[in-house]
Amino acid sequence: MYLHITTGTLNYLEDLQEKYPHTSLNAKGTDAVLFYEDNQVESVFATKKTYEVLYQEGELNGESPITIFYIPSAGDGFQALRMHLSDLTDQLQEMNGILSYRLAVNDKSETYVLFIKWADLLIHDDFKYTDAFKKYLTHDALKRFRNEESLFGDYLSSKTYYSVDDNEFTEEEKEEFSD
């Protein structure tokens, strides 16, 4: 199973979703993410952000808020990080409020991606204070998997997106969006 992802403006990705109705869309303001899963290595998206799914639970779609964690790695730390993140998936299965998740990898870019679909954003906020988050997803937890090849990259980046229906805009974004 493969997870295909592209990011862009909400307007652009809404148009792209019309072309590819099998995709799911989430947004935060004018920023958005469009994604889908299938058994094909090749993506319909030009960005070619394709990840092989390693662990999965539940249905992944755009109906609830999601957080996407991008976790780069390189060299010797790559395989060790895979084991570290697989241990995290065991923890995620036990947590209330997580509707689904995907842990996936792009071997070429040596990057892992973790999608977590939340029942509610308050659960996401609480998750940041759990032992699982501290043990598996903080910069301190991930720095032991870094080496010279990955010194200049970020340990981790993440972004939370809302369902399109729940997406709210600031006044500034509303003005920008109407242009």
C-alpha atoms as a PDB file:
ATOM      1  CA  MET A   1       0.000   0.000   0.000  1.00  0.00           C
ATOM      2  CA  TYR A   2       1.256   3.480  -0.864  1.00  0.00           C
ATOM      3  CA  LEU A   3       0.321   6.893   0.493  1.00  0.00           C
ATOM      4  CA  HIS A   4       0.504   9.747  -2.017  1.00  0.00           C
ATOM      5  CA  ILE A   5       0.617  13.356  -0.790  1.00  0.00           C
ATOM      6  CA  THR A   6       0.694  16.819  -2.287  1.00  0.00           C
ATOM      7  CA  THR A   7       0.418  20.229  -0.663  1.00  0.00           C
ATOM      8  CA  GLY A   8      -0.616  23.631  -1.964  1.00  0.00           C
ATOM      9  CA  THR A   9      -3.270  26.277  -1.693  1.00  0.00           C
ATOM     10  CA  LEU A  10      -6.796  25.261  -0.817  1.00  0.00           C
ATOM     11  CA  ASN A  11      -8.208  26.655  -4.089  1.00  0.00           C
ATOM     12  CA  TYR A  12      -5.694  24.770  -6.215  1.00  0.00           C
ATOM     13  CA  LEU A  13      -6.116  21.488  -4.350  1.00  0.00           C
ATOM     14  CA  GLU A  14      -9.920  21.738  -4.425  1.00  0.00           C
ATOM     15  CA  ASP A  15      -9.652  21.964  -8.223  1.00  0.00           C
ATOM     16  CA  LEU A  16      -7.240  19.022  -8.257  1.00  0.00           C
ATOM     17  CA  GLN A  17      -9.601  17.002  -6.074  1.00  0.00           C
ATOM     18  CA  GLU A  18     -12.364  17.520  -8.624  1.00  0.00           C
ATOM     19  CA  LYS A  19     -10.060  15.930 -11.192  1.00  0.00           C
ATOM     20  CA  TYR A  20      -9.179  13.068  -8.787  1.00  0.00           C
ATOM     21  CA  PRO A  21     -12.274  12.419  -6.643  1.00  0.00           C
ATOM     22  CA  HIS A  22     -10.664   9.411  -4.914  1.00  0.00           C
ATOM     23  CA  THR A  23      -8.464  11.832  -2.930  1.00  0.00           C
ATOM     24  CA  SER A  24      -9.006  13.357   0.521  1.00  0.00           C
ATOM     25  CA  LEU A  25      -8.504  17.019   1.358  1.00  0.00           C
ATOM     26  CA  ASN A  26      -7.695  18.778   4.634  1.00  0.00           C
ATOM     27  CA  ALA A  27      -6.746  22.419   5.146  1.00  0.00           C
ATOM     28  CA  LYS A  28      -5.479  25.014   7.572  1.00  0.00           C
ATOM     29  CA  GLY A  29      -6.437  28.452   6.353  1.00  0.00           C
ATOM     30  CA  THR A  30      -5.375  28.682   2.723  1.00  0.00           C
ATOM     31  CA  ASP A  31      -2.770  25.884   3.099  1.00  0.00           C
ATOM     32  CA  ALA A  32      -4.000  22.413   2.238  1.00  0.00           C
ATOM     33  CA  VAL A  33      -2.958  18.804   1.801  1.00  0.00           C
ATOM     34  CA  LEU A  34      -4.436  16.345  -0.684  1.00  0.00           C
ATOM     35  CA  PHE A  35      -3.757  12.632  -0.259  1.00  0.00           C
ATOM     36  CA  TYR A  36      -4.881   9.160  -1.211  1.00  0.00           C
ATOM     37  CA  GLU A  37      -3.840   5.536  -0.800  1.00  0.00           C
ATOM     38  CA  ASP A  38      -3.575   2.779  -3.381  1.00  0.00           C
ATOM     39  CA  ASN A  39      -1.386  -0.115  -4.475  1.00  0.00           C
ATOM     40  CA  GLN A  40       0.418   1.828  -7.215  1.00  0.00           C
ATOM     41  CA  VAL A  41       3.973   3.157  -6.782  1.00  0.00           C
ATOM     42  CA  GLU A  42       3.263   5.975  -9.254  1.00  0.00           C
ATOM     43  CA  SER A  43       1.240   8.932  -8.000  1.00  0.00           C
ATOM     44  CA  VAL A  44      -1.242  11.013  -9.994  1.00  0.00           C
ATOM     45  CA  PHE A  45       0.333  14.084  -8.356  1.00  0.00           C
ATOM     46  CA  ALA A  46       3.218  15.876 -10.060  1.00  0.00           C
ATOM     47  CA  THR A  47       5.054  16.283  -6.734  1.00  0.00           C
ATOM     48  CA  LYS A  48       5.693  12.531  -6.483  1.00  0.00           C
ATOM     49  CA  LYS A  49       5.601  12.464  -2.658  1.00  0.00           C
ATOM     50  CA  THR A  50       4.911   8.759  -2.393  1.00  0.00           C
ATOM     51  CA  TYR A  51       5.447   6.717   0.752  1.00  0.00           C
ATOM     52  CA  GLU A  52       5.211   2.990   1.310  1.00  0.00           C
ATOM     53  CA  VAL A  53       2.861   2.288   4.218  1.00  0.00           C
ATOM     54  CA  LEU A  54       4.564   0.271   6.958  1.00  0.00           C
ATOM     55  CA  TYR A  55       1.878   0.370   9.663  1.00  0.00           C
ATOM     56  CA  GLN A  56      -1.754   1.348   9.451  1.00  0.00           C
ATOM     57  CA  GLU A  57      -4.864   1.453  11.564  1.00  0.00           C
ATOM     58  CA  GLY A  58      -8.343   2.665  10.653  1.00  0.00           C
ATOM     59  CA  GLU A  59      -9.620   4.606   7.665  1.00  0.00           C
ATOM     60  CA  LEU A  60      -7.670   7.641   6.497  1.00  0.00           C
ATOM     61  CA  ASN A  61      -9.771  10.417   4.968  1.00  0.00           C
ATOM     62  CA  GLY A  62     -10.360  14.154   5.190  1.00  0.00           C
ATOM     63  CA  GLU A  63     -13.387  14.021   7.510  1.00  0.00           C
ATOM     64  CA  SER A  64     -11.492  14.821  10.723  1.00  0.00           C
ATOM     65  CA  PRO A  65      -8.412  16.810  11.703  1.00  0.00           C
ATOM     66  CA  ILE A  66      -5.068  15.226  10.874  1.00  0.00           C
ATOM     67  CA  THR A  67      -1.500  15.882  11.871  1.00  0.00           C
ATOM     68  CA  ILE A  68       1.297  14.989   9.504  1.00  0.00           C
ATOM     69  CA  PHE A  69       4.766  14.466  10.944  1.00  0.00           C
ATOM     70  CA  TYR A  70       7.651  14.471   8.456  1.00  0.00           C
ATOM     71  CA  ILE A  71      10.649  12.711  10.001  1.00  0.00           C
ATOM     72  CA  PRO A  72      13.853  12.787   7.931  1.00  0.00           C
ATOM     73  CA  SER A  73      16.701  10.375   8.501  1.00  0.00           C
ATOM     74  CA  ALA A  74      19.893   9.355   6.771  1.00  0.00           C
ATOM     75  CA  GLY A  75      22.613   6.751   6.771  1.00  0.00           C
ATOM     76  CA  ASP A  76      22.980   4.431   9.734  1.00  0.00           C
ATOM     77  CA  GLY A  77      20.097   5.958  11.673  1.00  0.00           C
ATOM     78  CA  PHE A  78      17.534   5.155   8.985  1.00  0.00           C
ATOM     79  CA  GLN A  79      16.819   1.535   9.975  1.00  0.00           C
ATOM     80  CA  ALA A  80      17.097   2.212  13.712  1.00  0.00           C
ATOM     81  CA  LEU A  81      14.556   5.007  13.340  1.00  0.00           C
ATOM     82  CA  ARG A  82      12.173   2.566  11.637  1.00  0.00           C
ATOM     83  CA  MET A  83      12.232   0.346  14.735  1.00  0.00           C
ATOM     84  CA  HIS A  84      11.764   3.382  16.998  1.00  0.00           C
ATOM     85  CA  LEU A  85       8.708   4.526  15.026  1.00  0.00           C
ATOM     86  CA  SER A  86       7.242   1.024  14.847  1.00  0.00           C
ATOM     87  CA  ASP A  87       7.317   0.986  18.657  1.00  0.00           C
ATOM     88  CA  LEU A  88       5.357   4.254  18.541  1.00  0.00           C
ATOM     89  CA  THR A  89       2.622   2.626  16.448  1.00  0.00           C
ATOM     90  CA  ASP A  90       2.116   0.119  19.281  1.00  0.00           C
ATOM     91  CA  GLN A  91       1.500   3.087  21.586  1.00  0.00           C
ATOM     92  CA  LEU A  92      -0.893   4.754  19.121  1.00  0.00           C
ATOM     93  CA  GLN A  93      -3.113   1.677  19.029  1.00  0.00           C
ATOM     94  CA  GLU A  94      -3.765   2.081  22.759  1.00  0.00           C
ATOM     95  CA  MET A  95      -4.651   5.792  22.683  1.00  0.00           C
ATOM     96  CA  ASN A  96      -8.213   7.037  22.862  1.00  0.00           C
ATOM     97  CA  GLY A  97      -9.169   9.682  20.341  1.00  0.00           C
ATOM     98  CA  ILE A  98      -6.908   8.521  17.522  1.00  0.00           C
ATOM     99  CA  LEU A  99      -9.227   7.428  14.737  1.00  0.00           C
ATOM    100  CA  SER A 100      -6.528   6.201  12.380  1.00  0.00           C
ATOM    101  CA  TYR A 101      -2.858   6.498  11.554  1.00  0.00           C
ATOM    102  CA  ARG A 102      -0.316   5.656   8.893  1.00  0.00           C
ATOM    103  CA  LEU A 103       3.417   5.271   9.301  1.00  0.00           C
ATOM    104  CA  ALA A 104       5.033   5.286   5.887  1.00  0.00           C
ATOM    105  CA  VAL A 105       8.492   5.662   4.374  1.00  0.00           C
ATOM    106  CA  ASN A 106      10.083   7.021   1.237  1.00  0.00           C
ATOM    107  CA  ASP A 107      13.316   5.026   0.914  1.00  0.00           C
ATOM    108  CA  LYS A 108      14.761   7.337  -1.745  1.00  0.00           C
ATOM    109  CA  SER A 109      14.552  10.462   0.406  1.00  0.00           C
ATOM    110  CA  GLU A 110      15.056   8.487   3.627  1.00  0.00           C
ATOM    111  CA  THR A 111      12.024  10.209   5.110  1.00  0.00           C
ATOM    112  CA  TYR A 112       9.263   8.798   7.256  1.00  0.00           C
ATOM    113  CA  VAL A 113       5.791  10.288   7.419  1.00  0.00           C
ATOM    114  CA  LEU A 114       3.264   9.744  10.182  1.00  0.00           C
ATOM    115  CA  PHE A 115      -0.384  10.689   9.607  1.00  0.00           C
ATOM    116  CA  ILE A 116      -2.610  10.749  12.677  1.00  0.00           C
ATOM    117  CA  LYS A 117      -6.348  11.341  12.302  1.00  0.00           C
ATOM    118  CA  TRP A 118      -7.899  12.769  15.467  1.00  0.00           C
ATOM    119  CA  ALA A 119     -11.432  12.515  16.809  1.00  0.00           C
ATOM    120  CA  ASP A 120     -11.005  16.087  18.063  1.00  0.00           C
ATOM    121  CA  LEU A 121      -8.268  18.724  18.070  1.00  0.00           C
ATOM    122  CA  LEU A 122      -8.270  18.812  21.876  1.00  0.00           C
ATOM    123  CA  ILE A 123      -6.960  15.245  21.783  1.00  0.00           C
ATOM    124  CA  HIS A 124      -4.150  16.397  19.504  1.00  0.00           C
ATOM    125  CA  ASP A 125      -3.282  19.159  21.975  1.00  0.00           C
ATOM    126  CA  ASP A 126      -3.254  16.644  24.850  1.00  0.00           C
ATOM    127  CA  PHE A 127      -1.120  14.221  22.818  1.00  0.00           C
ATOM    128  CA  LYS A 128       1.804  16.673  22.947  1.00  0.00           C
ATOM    129  CA  TYR A 129       1.987  16.072  26.704  1.00  0.00           C
ATOM    130  CA  THR A 130       1.886  12.273  26.630  1.00  0.00           C
ATOM    131  CA  ASP A 131       4.809  10.003  27.410  1.00  0.00           C
ATOM    132  CA  ALA A 132       4.493   8.523  23.904  1.00  0.00           C
ATOM    133  CA  PHE A 133       4.995  11.920  22.268  1.00  0.00           C
ATOM    134  CA  LYS A 134       7.940  12.739  24.525  1.00  0.00           C
ATOM    135  CA  LYS A 135       9.561   9.341  24.017  1.00  0.00           C
ATOM    136  CA  TYR A 136       9.083   9.074  20.250  1.00  0.00           C
ATOM    137  CA  LEU A 137       8.451  12.416  18.520  1.00  0.00           C
ATOM    138  CA  THR A 138      10.324  15.194  20.317  1.00  0.00           C
ATOM    139  CA  HIS A 139      13.592  16.575  18.996  1.00  0.00           C
ATOM    140  CA  ASP A 140      15.413  15.001  21.949  1.00  0.00           C
ATOM    141  CA  ALA A 141      13.910  11.591  21.212  1.00  0.00           C
ATOM    142  CA  LEU A 142      14.891  11.768  17.542  1.00  0.00           C
ATOM    143  CA  LYS A 143      18.364  13.274  17.785  1.00  0.00           C
ATOM    144  CA  ARG A 144      19.988   9.920  18.560  1.00  0.00           C
ATOM    145  CA  PHE A 145      19.083   8.802  15.014  1.00  0.00           C
ATOM    146  CA  ARG A 146      20.999  11.636  13.394  1.00  0.00           C
ATOM    147  CA  ASN A 147      24.455  11.443  11.916  1.00  0.00           C
ATOM    148  CA  GLU A 148      26.701  13.653   9.788  1.00  0.00           C
ATOM    149  CA  GLU A 149      24.499  13.083   6.739  1.00  0.00           C
ATOM    150  CA  SER A 150      21.453  14.527   8.485  1.00  0.00           C
ATOM    151  CA  LEU A 151      22.985  17.296  10.601  1.00  0.00           C
ATOM    152  CA  PHE A 152      21.648  20.168   8.529  1.00  0.00           C
ATOM    153  CA  GLY A 153      18.087  18.932   8.138  1.00  0.00           C
ATOM    154  CA  ASP A 154      15.253  19.296  10.599  1.00  0.00           C
ATOM    155  CA  TYR A 155      14.662  16.436  13.007  1.00  0.00           C
ATOM    156  CA  LEU A 156      10.969  16.726  12.514  1.00  0.00           C
ATOM    157  CA  SER A 157       8.373  19.003  11.030  1.00  0.00           C
ATOM    158  CA  SER A 158       4.659  18.693  11.505  1.00  0.00           C
ATOM    159  CA  LYS A 159       1.475  20.408  10.508  1.00  0.00           C
ATOM    160  CA  THR A 160      -2.112  19.940  11.583  1.00  0.00           C
ATOM    161  CA  TYR A 161      -4.915  20.314   9.069  1.00  0.00           C
ATOM    162  CA  TYR A 162      -8.667  20.490   9.645  1.00  0.00           C
ATOM    163  CA  SER A 163     -11.480  18.970   7.671  1.00  0.00           C
ATOM    164  CA  VAL A 164     -12.448  21.402   4.923  1.00  0.00           C
ATOM    165  CA  ASP A 165     -15.833  21.958   6.626  1.00  0.00           C
ATOM    166  CA  ASP A 166     -14.125  22.923   9.908  1.00  0.00           C
ATOM    167  CA  ASN A 167     -11.382  25.012   8.325  1.00  0.00           C
ATOM    168  CA  GLU A 168     -11.541  28.570   9.604  1.00  0.00           C
ATOM    169  CA  PHE A 169      -9.851  31.586   8.083  1.00  0.00           C
ATOM    170  CA  THR A 170      -8.364  34.631   9.734  1.00  0.00           C
ATOM    171  CA  GLU A 171      -9.510  38.007   8.391  1.00  0.00           C
ATOM    172  CA  GLU A 172      -6.157  38.331   6.606  1.00  0.00           C
ATOM    173  CA  GLU A 173      -6.578  34.952   4.950  1.00  0.00           C
ATOM    174  CA  LYS A 174     -10.154  35.806   3.890  1.00  0.00           C
ATOM    175  CA  GLU A 175      -8.862  38.921   2.115  1.00  0.00           C
ATOM    176  CA  GLU A 176      -6.021  36.963   0.495  1.00  0.00           C
ATOM    177  CA  PHE A 177      -8.410  34.199  -0.520  1.00  0.00           C
ATOM    178  CA  SER A 178     -10.843  36.569  -2.209  1.00  0.00           C
ATOM    179  CA  ASP A 179      -8.146  38.064  -4.494  1.00  0.00           C
END
